[in-house]
C-alpha atoms as a PDB file:
ATOM      1  CA  MET A   1     -26.258   1.299  20.431  1.00  0.00           C
ATOM      2  CA  ALA A   2     -27.707   3.759  22.132  1.00  0.00           C
ATOM      3  CA  SER A   3     -31.037   5.892  20.904  1.00  0.00           C
ATOM      4  CA  PRO A   4     -30.355   8.650  19.155  1.00  0.00           C
ATOM      5  CA  THR A   5     -30.624  11.969  21.024  1.00  0.00           C
ATOM      6  CA  LYS A   6     -30.750  14.418  17.744  1.00  0.00           C
ATOM      7  CA  ILE A   7     -31.738  14.612  14.443  1.00  0.00           C
ATOM      8  CA  LYS A   8     -28.095  14.108  12.739  1.00  0.00           C
ATOM      9  CA  GLU A   9     -28.101  10.513  14.835  1.00  0.00           C
ATOM     10  CA  VAL A  10     -31.464   9.649  13.169  1.00  0.00           C
ATOM     11  CA  GLN A  11     -30.331  10.244   9.785  1.00  0.00           C
ATOM     12  CA  SER A  12     -27.220   8.243  10.005  1.00  0.00           C
ATOM     13  CA  PHE A  13     -29.034   5.307  11.440  1.00  0.00           C
ATOM     14  CA  LEU A  14     -31.285   5.530   8.682  1.00  0.00           C
ATOM     15  CA  GLY A  15     -28.882   6.036   5.903  1.00  0.00           C
ATOM     16  CA  PHE A  16     -27.049   2.686   7.241  1.00  0.00           C
ATOM     17  CA  ALA A  17     -30.200   0.750   7.543  1.00  0.00           C
ATOM     18  CA  ASN A  18     -31.271   1.674   4.108  1.00  0.00           C
ATOM     19  CA  PHE A  19     -27.736  -1.144   3.073  1.00  0.00           C
ATOM     20  CA  LEU A  20     -30.134  -3.902   4.359  1.00  0.00           C
ATOM     21  CA  ARG A  21     -33.694  -2.793   3.568  1.00  0.00           C
ATOM     22  CA  ARG A  22     -33.769  -5.575   0.984  1.00  0.00           C
ATOM     23  CA  PHE A  23     -33.580  -7.905   3.850  1.00  0.00           C
ATOM     24  CA  VAL A  24     -36.178  -6.428   5.683  1.00  0.00           C
ATOM     25  CA  ALA A  25     -39.672  -6.981   5.729  1.00  0.00           C
ATOM     26  CA  ASN A  26     -41.969  -4.026   5.330  1.00  0.00           C
ATOM     27  CA  PHE A  27     -39.084  -1.580   5.844  1.00  0.00           C
ATOM     28  CA  SER A  28     -40.888   1.383   4.798  1.00  0.00           C
ATOM     29  CA  HIS A  29     -43.529   0.819   6.924  1.00  0.00           C
ATOM     30  CA  MET A  30     -41.309   0.044   9.874  1.00  0.00           C
ATOM     31  CA  ALA A  31     -38.965   3.258   9.482  1.00  0.00           C
ATOM     32  CA  ARG A  32     -41.938   5.331   8.773  1.00  0.00           C
ATOM     33  CA  PRO A  33     -41.823   7.507  12.187  1.00  0.00           C
ATOM     34  CA  LEU A  34     -38.099   7.900  12.218  1.00  0.00           C
ATOM     35  CA  HIS A  35     -38.640   9.403   8.351  1.00  0.00           C
ATOM     36  CA  ASN A  36     -41.262  11.523   9.507  1.00  0.00           C
ATOM     37  CA  LEU A  37     -38.692  12.875  12.420  1.00  0.00           C
ATOM     38  CA  VAL A  38     -36.120  13.853   9.684  1.00  0.00           C
ATOM     39  CA  LYS A  39     -38.592  15.452   7.513  1.00  0.00           C
ATOM     40  CA  LYS A  40     -37.689  19.452   7.170  1.00  0.00           C
ATOM     41  CA  ASP A  41     -38.839  22.087   9.696  1.00  0.00           C
ATOM     42  CA  THR A  42     -40.054  18.987  11.936  1.00  0.00           C
ATOM     43  CA  PRO A  43     -39.434  19.659  15.521  1.00  0.00           C
ATOM     44  CA  TRP A  44     -37.521  17.054  17.556  1.00  0.00           C
ATOM     45  CA  LYS A  45     -39.573  14.592  19.543  1.00  0.00           C
ATOM     46  CA  TRP A  46     -38.373  11.059  20.828  1.00  0.00           C
ATOM     47  CA  ASP A  47     -41.035   9.561  21.974  1.00  0.00           C
ATOM     48  CA  THR A  48     -42.754   5.944  22.142  1.00  0.00           C
ATOM     49  CA  ARG A  49     -43.400   5.437  18.757  1.00  0.00           C
ATOM     50  CA  GLU A  50     -39.883   6.523  17.330  1.00  0.00           C
ATOM     51  CA  GLN A  51     -38.250   4.574  20.187  1.00  0.00           C
ATOM     52  CA  GLU A  52     -40.185   1.387  18.886  1.00  0.00           C
ATOM     53  CA  ALA A  53     -39.378   2.077  15.316  1.00  0.00           C
ATOM     54  CA  PHE A  54     -35.805   2.429  16.210  1.00  0.00           C
ATOM     55  CA  GLN A  55     -35.565  -0.704  18.235  1.00  0.00           C
ATOM     56  CA  SER A  56     -37.545  -2.919  15.602  1.00  0.00           C
ATOM     57  CA  LEU A  57     -35.124  -1.830  12.903  1.00  0.00           C
ATOM     58  CA  LYS A  58     -32.141  -2.632  14.799  1.00  0.00           C
ATOM     59  CA  ASP A  59     -33.359  -5.917  15.935  1.00  0.00           C
ATOM     60  CA  ALA A  60     -34.228  -6.566  12.123  1.00  0.00           C
ATOM     61  CA  ILE A  61     -30.564  -5.740  10.614  1.00  0.00           C
ATOM     62  CA  THR A  62     -29.091  -7.412  13.539  1.00  0.00           C
ATOM     63  CA  ASN A  63     -30.208 -10.926  13.354  1.00  0.00           C
ATOM     64  CA  ALA A  64     -30.967 -13.973  11.282  1.00  0.00           C
ATOM     65  CA  PRO A  65     -32.238 -14.580   8.845  1.00  0.00           C
ATOM     66  CA  VAL A  66     -30.459 -11.108   7.971  1.00  0.00           C
ATOM     67  CA  LEU A  67     -26.880 -11.979   9.110  1.00  0.00           C
ATOM     68  CA  CYS A  68     -24.908 -15.043   7.882  1.00  0.00           C
ATOM     69  CA  HIS A  69     -22.104 -17.082   8.760  1.00  0.00           C
ATOM     70  CA  ALA A  70     -18.868 -16.409   6.860  1.00  0.00           C
ATOM     71  CA  ASP A  71     -17.776 -19.427   4.499  1.00  0.00           C
ATOM     72  CA  PRO A  72     -13.998 -19.215   3.310  1.00  0.00           C
ATOM     73  CA  THR A  73     -14.500 -21.213   0.636  1.00  0.00           C
ATOM     74  CA  LYS A  74     -16.643 -18.621  -1.371  1.00  0.00           C
ATOM     75  CA  PRO A  75     -15.884 -15.273  -2.441  1.00  0.00           C
ATOM     76  CA  TYR A  76     -16.383 -12.071  -0.567  1.00  0.00           C
ATOM     77  CA  PHE A  77     -18.101  -8.920  -1.614  1.00  0.00           C
ATOM     78  CA  LEU A  78     -17.840  -5.669   0.035  1.00  0.00           C
ATOM     79  CA  GLU A  79     -20.094  -2.721  -0.171  1.00  0.00           C
ATOM     80  CA  THR A  80     -18.673   0.488   0.888  1.00  0.00           C
ATOM     81  CA  ASP A  81     -19.822   4.015   1.000  1.00  0.00           C
ATOM     82  CA  ALA A  82     -18.338   7.487   2.432  1.00  0.00           C
ATOM     83  CA  SER A  83     -20.537  10.508   2.943  1.00  0.00           C
ATOM     84  CA  GLY A  84     -19.093  13.537   3.829  1.00  0.00           C
ATOM     85  CA  ALA A  85     -19.669  12.723   7.624  1.00  0.00           C
ATOM     86  CA  ALA A  86     -18.949   9.129   7.629  1.00  0.00           C
ATOM     87  CA  LEU A  87     -18.253   5.790   6.406  1.00  0.00           C
ATOM     88  CA  GLY A  88     -20.028   2.677   6.057  1.00  0.00           C
ATOM     89  CA  SER A  89     -19.480  -0.572   4.584  1.00  0.00           C
ATOM     90  CA  ILE A  90     -21.145  -4.238   4.388  1.00  0.00           C
ATOM     91  CA  LEU A  91     -19.211  -8.099   3.952  1.00  0.00           C
ATOM     92  CA  SER A  92     -21.343 -10.274   1.938  1.00  0.00           C
ATOM     93  CA  GLN A  93     -21.515 -13.516   0.287  1.00  0.00           C
ATOM     94  CA  GLN A  94     -23.704 -15.196  -2.098  1.00  0.00           C
ATOM     95  CA  GLN A  95     -26.178 -17.763  -0.480  1.00  0.00           C
ATOM     96  CA  GLU A  96     -28.441 -20.282  -1.719  1.00  0.00           C
ATOM     97  CA  ASP A  97     -30.868 -18.024  -3.144  1.00  0.00           C
ATOM     98  CA  GLY A  98     -28.265 -16.288  -5.162  1.00  0.00           C
ATOM     99  CA  ARG A  99     -28.470 -12.761  -3.515  1.00  0.00           C
ATOM    100  CA  LEU A 100     -25.828 -11.263  -1.388  1.00  0.00           C
ATOM    101  CA  HIS A 101     -26.428 -11.689   2.220  1.00  0.00           C
ATOM    102  CA  PRO A 102     -24.343  -9.391   4.854  1.00  0.00           C
ATOM    103  CA  LEU A 103     -21.898 -11.371   7.340  1.00  0.00           C
ATOM    104  CA  GLY A 104     -21.540  -7.962   9.224  1.00  0.00           C
ATOM    105  CA  PHE A 105     -21.142  -4.390   8.784  1.00  0.00           C
ATOM    106  CA  LEU A 106     -18.805  -1.546   9.971  1.00  0.00           C
ATOM    107  CA  SER A 107     -19.762   2.100  10.507  1.00  0.00           C
ATOM    108  CA  GLU A 108     -16.975   4.965  11.416  1.00  0.00           C
ATOM    109  CA  SER A 109     -17.532   8.910  11.827  1.00  0.00           C
ATOM    110  CA  PHE A 110     -14.747  11.010  10.321  1.00  0.00           C
ATOM    111  CA  LYS A 111     -13.508  12.830  12.814  1.00  0.00           C
ATOM    112  CA  GLY A 112     -10.559  15.424  13.140  1.00  0.00           C
ATOM    113  CA  ALA A 113      -8.272  15.673  10.221  1.00  0.00           C
ATOM    114  CA  LYS A 114      -9.947  12.781   8.423  1.00  0.00           C
ATOM    115  CA  GLN A 115     -13.007  15.259   7.587  1.00  0.00           C
ATOM    116  CA  ASN A 116     -10.569  16.755   5.358  1.00  0.00           C
ATOM    117  CA  TYR A 117      -9.670  13.655   3.587  1.00  0.00           C
ATOM    118  CA  ASN A 118     -10.935  14.402   0.303  1.00  0.00           C
ATOM    119  CA  PRO A 119     -10.608  12.463  -2.196  1.00  0.00           C
ATOM    120  CA  ASP A 120      -9.403  10.233   0.069  1.00  0.00           C
ATOM    121  CA  LYS A 121     -12.322   9.188   1.786  1.00  0.00           C
ATOM    122  CA  GLU A 122     -13.864   6.561  -1.121  1.00  0.00           C
ATOM    123  CA  LEU A 123     -10.472   5.031  -0.431  1.00  0.00           C
ATOM    124  CA  LEU A 124     -10.525   5.044   3.597  1.00  0.00           C
ATOM    125  CA  ALA A 125     -13.635   3.347   3.261  1.00  0.00           C
ATOM    126  CA  ILE A 126     -12.223   0.310   1.733  1.00  0.00           C
ATOM    127  CA  ILE A 127      -9.043   0.406   4.405  1.00  0.00           C
ATOM    128  CA  ARG A 128     -11.195   0.134   7.001  1.00  0.00           C
ATOM    129  CA  SER A 129     -13.437  -2.306   6.220  1.00  0.00           C
ATOM    130  CA  PHE A 130      -9.943  -4.504   5.526  1.00  0.00           C
ATOM    131  CA  GLU A 131      -8.847  -3.317   8.785  1.00  0.00           C
ATOM    132  CA  TYR A 132     -11.884  -4.484  10.673  1.00  0.00           C
ATOM    133  CA  TRP A 133     -12.615  -8.075   8.706  1.00  0.00           C
ATOM    134  CA  ARG A 134      -8.735  -8.900   8.366  1.00  0.00           C
ATOM    135  CA  ILE A 135      -9.506 -12.192   9.716  1.00  0.00           C
ATOM    136  CA  PHE A 136     -11.619 -13.072   6.942  1.00  0.00           C
ATOM    137  CA  LEU A 137     -10.456 -11.096   3.836  1.00  0.00           C
ATOM    138  CA  GLU A 138      -6.381 -11.557   4.441  1.00  0.00           C
ATOM    139  CA  GLY A 139      -5.423 -14.239   2.040  1.00  0.00           C
ATOM    140  CA  THR A 140      -8.936 -15.107   0.665  1.00  0.00           C
ATOM    141  CA  LEU A 141      -9.040 -18.082  -2.192  1.00  0.00           C
ATOM    142  CA  HIS A 142     -10.763 -15.444  -4.267  1.00  0.00           C
ATOM    143  CA  PRO A 143     -10.648 -12.099  -5.333  1.00  0.00           C
ATOM    144  CA  ILE A 144     -12.705  -9.673  -2.998  1.00  0.00           C
ATOM    145  CA  THR A 145     -14.852  -7.787  -5.350  1.00  0.00           C
ATOM    146  CA  ILE A 146     -15.673  -4.351  -3.861  1.00  0.00           C
ATOM    147  CA  PHE A 147     -18.996  -2.446  -4.963  1.00  0.00           C
ATOM    148  CA  THR A 148     -18.312   1.408  -4.818  1.00  0.00           C
ATOM    149  CA  ASP A 149     -18.804   4.675  -6.224  1.00  0.00           C
ATOM    150  CA  HIS A 150     -14.944   4.432  -7.833  1.00  0.00           C
ATOM    151  CA  ARG A 151     -15.197   7.593  -9.654  1.00  0.00           C
ATOM    152  CA  ASN A 152     -13.341   9.355  -6.888  1.00  0.00           C
ATOM    153  CA  LEU A 153     -11.056   6.383  -6.686  1.00  0.00           C
ATOM    154  CA  GLU A 154      -9.984   6.968 -10.215  1.00  0.00           C
ATOM    155  CA  TYR A 155      -8.128   9.663  -8.678  1.00  0.00           C
ATOM    156  CA  TRP A 156      -5.610   6.797  -7.461  1.00  0.00           C
ATOM    157  CA  LYS A 157      -4.988   5.520 -10.709  1.00  0.00           C
ATOM    158  CA  GLU A 158      -2.437   7.822 -11.557  1.00  0.00           C
ATOM    159  CA  SER A 159       1.211   7.662 -10.498  1.00  0.00           C
ATOM    160  CA  ARG A 160       1.613   9.817  -7.431  1.00  0.00           C
ATOM    161  CA  THR A 161       3.981  11.125  -4.632  1.00  0.00           C
ATOM    162  CA  PHE A 162       2.568   9.472  -1.082  1.00  0.00           C
ATOM    163  CA  ASN A 163       2.722  10.941   1.926  1.00  0.00           C
ATOM    164  CA  ARG A 164       2.908   8.895   5.155  1.00  0.00           C
ATOM    165  CA  ARG A 165      -0.697   8.290   5.243  1.00  0.00           C
ATOM    166  CA  HIS A 166      -0.950   7.394   1.833  1.00  0.00           C
ATOM    167  CA  ALA A 167       2.255   5.007   1.894  1.00  0.00           C
ATOM    168  CA  ARG A 168       0.546   3.099   5.005  1.00  0.00           C
ATOM    169  CA  TRP A 169      -2.766   2.298   3.067  1.00  0.00           C
ATOM    170  CA  HIS A 170      -0.546   1.139   0.141  1.00  0.00           C
ATOM    171  CA  LEU A 171       1.247  -1.259   2.015  1.00  0.00           C
ATOM    172  CA  LEU A 172      -2.004  -2.394   3.579  1.00  0.00           C
ATOM    173  CA  LEU A 173      -3.574  -2.788   0.204  1.00  0.00           C
ATOM    174  CA  ALA A 174      -1.064  -5.159  -1.188  1.00  0.00           C
ATOM    175  CA  GLY A 175      -1.751  -7.525   1.343  1.00  0.00           C
ATOM    176  CA  TYR A 176      -5.129  -8.043   0.001  1.00  0.00           C
ATOM    177  CA  ASN A 177      -6.247  -9.621  -3.619  1.00  0.00           C
ATOM    178  CA  PHE A 178      -9.132  -7.642  -4.767  1.00  0.00           C
ATOM    179  CA  GLN A 179     -11.097  -6.071  -7.360  1.00  0.00           C
ATOM    180  CA  ILE A 180     -13.298  -2.740  -7.480  1.00  0.00           C
ATOM    181  CA  VAL A 181     -16.299  -2.467  -9.221  1.00  0.00           C
ATOM    182  CA  TYR A 182     -18.529   0.679 -10.075  1.00  0.00           C
ATOM    183  CA  ARG A 183     -22.056   0.182  -8.706  1.00  0.00           C
ATOM    184  CA  PRO A 184     -24.514   3.696  -8.665  1.00  0.00           C
ATOM    185  CA  GLY A 185     -27.048   4.163  -6.162  1.00  0.00           C
ATOM    186  CA  LYS A 186     -25.200   3.574  -2.812  1.00  0.00           C
ATOM    187  CA  GLN A 187     -26.273   4.607   0.555  1.00  0.00           C
ATOM    188  CA  SER A 188     -24.751   6.794   2.776  1.00  0.00           C
ATOM    189  CA  GLY A 189     -22.965   4.917   6.223  1.00  0.00           C
ATOM    190  CA  LYS A 190     -23.880   6.170   9.694  1.00  0.00           C
ATOM    191  CA  PRO A 191     -21.037   7.552  11.946  1.00  0.00           C
ATOM    192  CA  ASP A 192     -20.089   5.353  14.673  1.00  0.00           C
ATOM    193  CA  ALA A 193     -16.860   6.220  16.048  1.00  0.00           C
ATOM    194  CA  LEU A 194     -14.764   2.719  15.980  1.00  0.00           C
ATOM    195  CA  SER A 195     -10.897   2.438  17.186  1.00  0.00           C
ATOM    196  CA  ARG A 196      -8.095   3.218  14.209  1.00  0.00           C
ATOM    197  CA  ARG A 197      -5.699   0.735  13.909  1.00  0.00           C
ATOM    198  CA  SER A 198      -2.114   2.248  14.581  1.00  0.00           C
ATOM    199  CA  ASP A 199       0.565  -0.568  13.283  1.00  0.00           C
ATOM    200  CA  HIS A 200       1.451   0.564   9.973  1.00  0.00           C
ATOM    201  CA  ALA A 201       4.697   0.915   8.429  1.00  0.00           C
ATOM    202  CA  ASN A 202       6.791   4.086   8.146  1.00  0.00           C
ATOM    203  CA  ILE A 203       7.570   4.261   4.227  1.00  0.00           C
ATOM    204  CA  PRO A 204       9.245   7.314   2.880  1.00  0.00           C
ATOM    205  CA  PRO A 205       7.221   9.320  -0.226  1.00  0.00           C
ATOM    206  CA  ALA A 206       7.858   7.926  -3.703  1.00  0.00           C
ATOM    207  CA  ASN A 207       6.077   7.961  -7.037  1.00  0.00           C
ATOM    208  CA  GLN A 208       3.447   4.919  -6.603  1.00  0.00           C
ATOM    209  CA  THR A 209       0.355   3.508  -8.087  1.00  0.00           C
ATOM    210  CA  MET A 210      -2.103   3.165  -4.990  1.00  0.00           C
ATOM    211  CA  LEU A 211      -5.188   1.367  -7.613  1.00  0.00           C
ATOM    212  CA  PRO A 212      -3.803  -0.215 -10.816  1.00  0.00           C
ATOM    213  CA  ASP A 213      -6.061  -0.209 -13.310  1.00  0.00           C
ATOM    214  CA  PRO A 214      -6.540  -3.857 -13.510  1.00  0.00           C
ATOM    215  CA  ILE A 215      -8.001  -3.649 -10.030  1.00  0.00           C
ATOM    216  CA  PHE A 216     -11.003  -1.908 -11.686  1.00  0.00           C
ATOM    217  CA  ALA A 217     -13.529  -4.797 -13.199  1.00  0.00           C
ATOM    218  CA  ASN A 218     -16.490  -4.725 -14.748  1.00  0.00           C
ATOM    219  CA  VAL A 219     -19.776  -5.069 -12.966  1.00  0.00           C
ATOM    220  CA  ALA A 220     -21.391  -7.362 -15.581  1.00  0.00           C
ATOM    221  CA  LEU A 221     -18.696  -9.911 -14.916  1.00  0.00           C
ATOM    222  CA  VAL A 222     -18.644 -10.343 -11.156  1.00  0.00           C
ATOM    223  CA  THR A 223     -22.325  -9.343 -10.073  1.00  0.00           C
ATOM    224  CA  PRO A 224     -24.338 -12.584  -8.659  1.00  0.00           C
ATOM    225  CA  LYS A 225     -26.902 -13.956 -11.279  1.00  0.00           C
ATOM    226  CA  LYS A 226     -29.950 -12.497  -9.281  1.00  0.00           C
ATOM    227  CA  ASN A 227     -29.086  -8.874  -8.382  1.00  0.00           C
ATOM    228  CA  SER A 228     -28.176  -7.975  -4.749  1.00  0.00           C
ATOM    229  CA  ASN A 229     -30.497  -5.079  -4.795  1.00  0.00           C
ATOM    230  CA  ALA A 230     -33.189  -7.531  -5.839  1.00  0.00           C
ATOM    231  CA  LYS A 231     -36.433  -7.045  -3.880  1.00  0.00           C
END
Protein backbone atom coordinates (compact mmCIF):
# COMPACT_ATOMS: atom_id res chain seq x y z
CA MET A 1 0.00 0.00 0.00
CA ALA A 2 1.56 3.28 -1.13
CA SER A 3 1.59 6.35 1.07
CA PRO A 4 -1.45 8.63 0.67
CA THR A 5 -1.10 11.65 -1.58
CA LYS A 6 -4.31 13.48 -0.69
CA ILE A 7 -6.79 13.96 2.14
CA LYS A 8 -9.36 11.49 0.79
CA GLU A 9 -6.80 8.71 0.76
CA VAL A 10 -5.87 9.41 4.39
CA GLN A 11 -9.56 9.40 5.37
CA SER A 12 -10.07 6.09 3.61
CA PHE A 13 -7.05 4.50 5.29
CA LEU A 14 -8.18 5.69 8.72
CA GLY A 15 -11.68 4.40 8.08
CA PHE A 16 -10.44 0.91 7.37
CA ALA A 17 -7.85 0.97 10.16
CA ASN A 18 -10.70 1.62 12.59
CA PHE A 19 -11.98 -1.87 11.77
CA LEU A 20 -8.99 -3.26 13.67
CA ARG A 21 -8.36 -0.64 16.32
CA ARG A 22 -9.45 -2.98 19.12
CA PHE A 23 -6.41 -5.16 18.38
CA VAL A 24 -3.87 -2.33 18.08
CA ALA A 25 -2.31 -1.01 21.27
CA ASN A 26 -2.23 2.80 21.53
CA PHE A 27 -4.21 3.13 18.32
CA SER A 28 -5.44 6.67 19.06
CA HIS A 29 -1.95 7.94 19.85
CA MET A 30 -0.48 6.22 16.82
CA ALA A 31 -3.11 7.65 14.47
CA ARG A 32 -3.20 11.18 15.89
CA PRO A 33 -0.97 12.79 13.21
CA LEU A 34 -3.25 11.40 10.52
CA HIS A 35 -6.42 12.46 12.33
CA ASN A 36 -4.97 15.96 12.70
CA LEU A 37 -4.26 16.05 8.98
CA VAL A 38 -7.88 15.36 8.00
CA LYS A 39 -9.38 18.02 10.27
CA LYS A 40 -11.40 20.70 8.54
CA ASP A 41 -9.40 23.56 6.99
CA THR A 42 -6.08 21.82 7.65
CA PRO A 43 -3.70 22.27 4.69
CA TRP A 44 -2.15 19.16 3.16
CA LYS A 45 1.26 18.36 4.61
CA TRP A 46 2.80 14.90 4.38
CA ASP A 47 6.02 14.96 6.37
CA THR A 48 8.10 12.57 8.47
CA ARG A 49 5.57 12.55 11.31
CA GLU A 50 2.66 11.61 9.06
CA GLN A 51 4.68 8.97 7.20
CA GLU A 52 5.79 7.35 10.44
CA ALA A 53 2.21 7.27 11.74
CA PHE A 54 0.98 5.74 8.48
CA GLN A 55 3.72 3.10 8.42
CA SER A 56 3.23 2.20 12.09
CA LEU A 57 -0.52 1.72 11.63
CA LYS A 58 -0.04 -0.28 8.45
CA ASP A 59 2.49 -2.56 10.15
CA ALA A 60 0.24 -2.99 13.19
CA ILE A 61 -2.82 -4.12 11.24
CA THR A 62 -1.02 -6.48 8.85
CA ASN A 63 1.14 -8.47 11.26
CA ALA A 64 0.65 -11.01 14.05
CA PRO A 65 -0.83 -11.07 16.64
CA VAL A 66 -3.52 -9.11 14.79
CA LEU A 67 -3.97 -11.54 11.90
CA CYS A 68 -4.67 -15.23 12.54
CA HIS A 69 -4.69 -18.36 10.39
CA ALA A 70 -7.99 -19.83 9.21
CA ASP A 71 -9.35 -22.94 10.92
CA PRO A 72 -11.95 -24.69 8.71
CA THR A 73 -13.47 -26.42 11.76
CA LYS A 74 -14.52 -23.10 13.32
CA PRO A 75 -17.35 -20.78 12.24
CA TYR A 76 -16.44 -17.76 10.12
CA PHE A 77 -17.58 -14.23 10.89
CA LEU A 78 -17.68 -11.54 8.23
CA GLU A 79 -17.94 -7.82 9.00
CA THR A 80 -18.93 -5.73 6.00
CA ASP A 81 -19.45 -2.06 5.31
CA ALA A 82 -20.31 0.04 2.30
CA SER A 83 -19.88 3.79 2.35
CA GLY A 84 -20.60 6.20 -0.47
CA ALA A 85 -17.14 5.70 -1.93
CA ALA A 86 -16.00 2.21 -0.97
CA LEU A 87 -16.72 -1.18 0.49
CA GLY A 88 -14.70 -2.96 3.13
CA SER A 89 -14.86 -6.22 5.02
CA ILE A 90 -13.00 -8.31 7.57
CA LEU A 91 -13.05 -12.10 7.79
CA SER A 92 -12.63 -13.33 11.38
CA GLN A 93 -12.84 -16.36 13.65
CA GLN A 94 -13.26 -16.62 17.40
CA GLN A 95 -10.00 -17.40 19.18
CA GLU A 96 -9.11 -18.72 22.63
CA ASP A 97 -9.62 -15.31 24.24
CA GLY A 98 -13.28 -15.36 23.19
CA ARG A 99 -12.87 -12.47 20.75
CA LEU A 100 -13.09 -12.31 16.99
CA HIS A 101 -9.63 -12.02 15.44
CA PRO A 102 -9.22 -11.12 11.76
CA LEU A 103 -7.93 -13.56 9.17
CA GLY A 104 -7.69 -10.90 6.49
CA PHE A 105 -9.32 -7.83 5.07
CA LEU A 106 -10.74 -6.59 1.79
CA SER A 107 -11.28 -3.07 0.55
CA GLU A 108 -12.44 -1.83 -2.82
CA SER A 109 -13.53 1.54 -4.16
CA PHE A 110 -16.75 1.99 -6.12
CA LYS A 111 -15.90 3.04 -9.64
CA GLY A 112 -17.96 3.86 -12.67
CA ALA A 113 -21.49 2.44 -12.60
CA LYS A 114 -20.92 0.90 -9.15
CA GLN A 115 -21.15 4.38 -7.64
CA ASN A 116 -24.85 4.37 -8.57
CA TYR A 117 -25.66 0.91 -7.18
CA ASN A 118 -27.91 2.11 -4.30
CA PRO A 119 -29.46 0.22 -2.58
CA ASP A 120 -27.05 -2.44 -3.85
CA LYS A 121 -23.85 -1.32 -2.12
CA GLU A 122 -24.37 -3.19 1.16
CA LEU A 123 -25.20 -6.33 -0.81
CA LEU A 124 -22.20 -5.81 -3.09
CA ALA A 125 -19.93 -5.75 -0.01
CA ILE A 126 -21.14 -9.27 0.81
CA ILE A 127 -20.86 -10.45 -2.79
CA ARG A 128 -17.28 -9.22 -3.15
CA SER A 129 -16.30 -10.74 0.20
CA PHE A 130 -17.63 -14.14 -0.87
CA GLU A 131 -15.71 -13.88 -4.12
CA TYR A 132 -12.50 -12.74 -2.47
CA TRP A 133 -12.52 -15.41 0.27
CA ARG A 134 -14.17 -18.13 -1.77
CA ILE A 135 -11.46 -20.66 -0.83
CA PHE A 136 -12.49 -20.33 2.83
CA LEU A 137 -16.21 -19.58 2.63
CA GLU A 138 -17.55 -21.98 0.01
CA GLY A 139 -18.87 -25.19 1.57
CA THR A 140 -18.27 -24.21 5.21
CA LEU A 141 -19.14 -26.60 8.05
CA HIS A 142 -21.00 -23.83 9.89
CA PRO A 143 -23.14 -20.92 8.66
CA ILE A 144 -21.12 -17.78 7.95
CA THR A 145 -22.31 -14.98 10.23
CA ILE A 146 -22.32 -11.62 8.47
CA PHE A 147 -22.35 -8.52 10.67
CA THR A 148 -23.64 -5.52 8.78
CA ASP A 149 -26.17 -2.72 8.78
CA HIS A 150 -28.86 -4.75 7.02
CA ARG A 151 -31.52 -2.05 7.11
CA ASN A 152 -30.62 -1.35 3.49
CA LEU A 153 -30.47 -5.09 2.81
CA GLU A 154 -34.11 -5.49 3.85
CA TYR A 155 -34.90 -4.13 0.38
CA TRP A 156 -33.91 -7.57 -0.90
CA LYS A 157 -36.32 -9.50 1.33
CA GLU A 158 -39.13 -8.84 -1.14
CA SER A 159 -39.67 -10.72 -4.38
CA ARG A 160 -38.36 -8.62 -7.27
CA THR A 161 -37.61 -8.84 -10.97
CA PHE A 162 -33.84 -9.12 -11.23
CA ASN A 163 -31.73 -7.49 -13.87
CA ARG A 164 -28.70 -9.38 -15.19
CA ARG A 165 -26.42 -8.13 -12.43
CA HIS A 166 -28.84 -9.13 -9.69
CA ALA A 167 -29.32 -12.54 -11.29
CA ARG A 168 -25.56 -13.15 -11.17
CA TRP A 169 -25.52 -12.18 -7.49
CA HIS A 170 -28.48 -14.42 -6.72
CA LEU A 171 -26.69 -17.40 -8.27
CA LEU A 172 -23.51 -16.67 -6.32
CA LEU A 173 -25.31 -16.30 -2.97
CA ALA A 174 -27.00 -19.66 -3.48
CA GLY A 175 -23.60 -21.32 -3.15
CA TYR A 176 -22.96 -20.10 0.41
CA ASN A 177 -24.41 -20.97 3.81
CA PHE A 178 -24.78 -17.68 5.68
CA GLN A 179 -26.89 -15.58 8.01
CA ILE A 180 -27.06 -11.78 8.26
CA VAL A 181 -26.99 -10.00 11.62
CA TYR A 182 -27.67 -6.32 12.18
CA ARG A 183 -25.05 -4.66 14.36
CA PRO A 184 -24.79 -0.85 14.57
CA GLY A 185 -21.58 1.12 14.80
CA LYS A 186 -19.82 -0.14 11.73
CA GLN A 187 -16.93 1.79 10.18
CA SER A 188 -16.49 2.75 6.54
CA GLY A 189 -14.07 0.87 4.32
CA LYS A 190 -11.07 2.29 2.48
CA PRO A 191 -11.06 2.45 -1.32
CA ASP A 192 -8.50 0.07 -2.81
CA ALA A 193 -9.42 -1.09 -6.29
CA LEU A 194 -9.30 -4.85 -6.83
CA SER A 195 -10.17 -7.01 -9.81
CA ARG A 196 -13.78 -7.99 -10.28
CA ARG A 197 -14.67 -11.55 -11.16
CA SER A 198 -16.39 -12.09 -14.51
CA ASP A 199 -17.30 -15.80 -14.41
CA HIS A 200 -20.99 -15.28 -13.72
CA ALA A 201 -23.88 -17.05 -15.38
CA ASN A 202 -26.32 -15.21 -17.62
CA ILE A 203 -29.79 -15.76 -16.10
CA PRO A 204 -32.98 -14.23 -17.56
CA PRO A 205 -34.87 -11.79 -15.28
CA ALA A 206 -37.54 -13.33 -13.04
CA ASN A 207 -39.37 -12.55 -9.80
CA GLN A 208 -37.14 -13.97 -7.08
CA THR A 209 -36.11 -13.19 -3.51
CA MET A 210 -32.45 -12.28 -3.05
CA LEU A 211 -32.35 -12.53 0.78
CA PRO A 212 -35.20 -14.58 2.30
CA ASP A 213 -36.33 -13.81 5.88
CA PRO A 214 -34.59 -16.84 7.49
CA ILE A 215 -31.20 -15.42 6.50
CA PHE A 216 -31.62 -12.52 8.95
CA ALA A 217 -30.58 -13.63 12.44
CA ASN A 218 -30.73 -12.24 15.98
CA VAL A 219 -27.40 -10.72 17.03
CA ALA A 220 -27.84 -12.03 20.60
CA LEU A 221 -27.87 -15.61 19.34
CA VAL A 222 -24.68 -15.49 17.29
CA THR A 223 -22.30 -12.98 18.90
CA PRO A 224 -19.33 -14.62 20.67
CA LYS A 225 -19.48 -14.69 24.47
CA LYS A 226 -16.91 -11.94 24.69
CA ASN A 227 -18.06 -9.09 22.49
CA SER A 228 -15.80 -8.66 19.48
CA ASN A 229 -15.74 -4.91 20.15
CA ALA A 230 -14.43 -5.36 23.67
CA LYS A 231 -11.42 -3.24 24.46
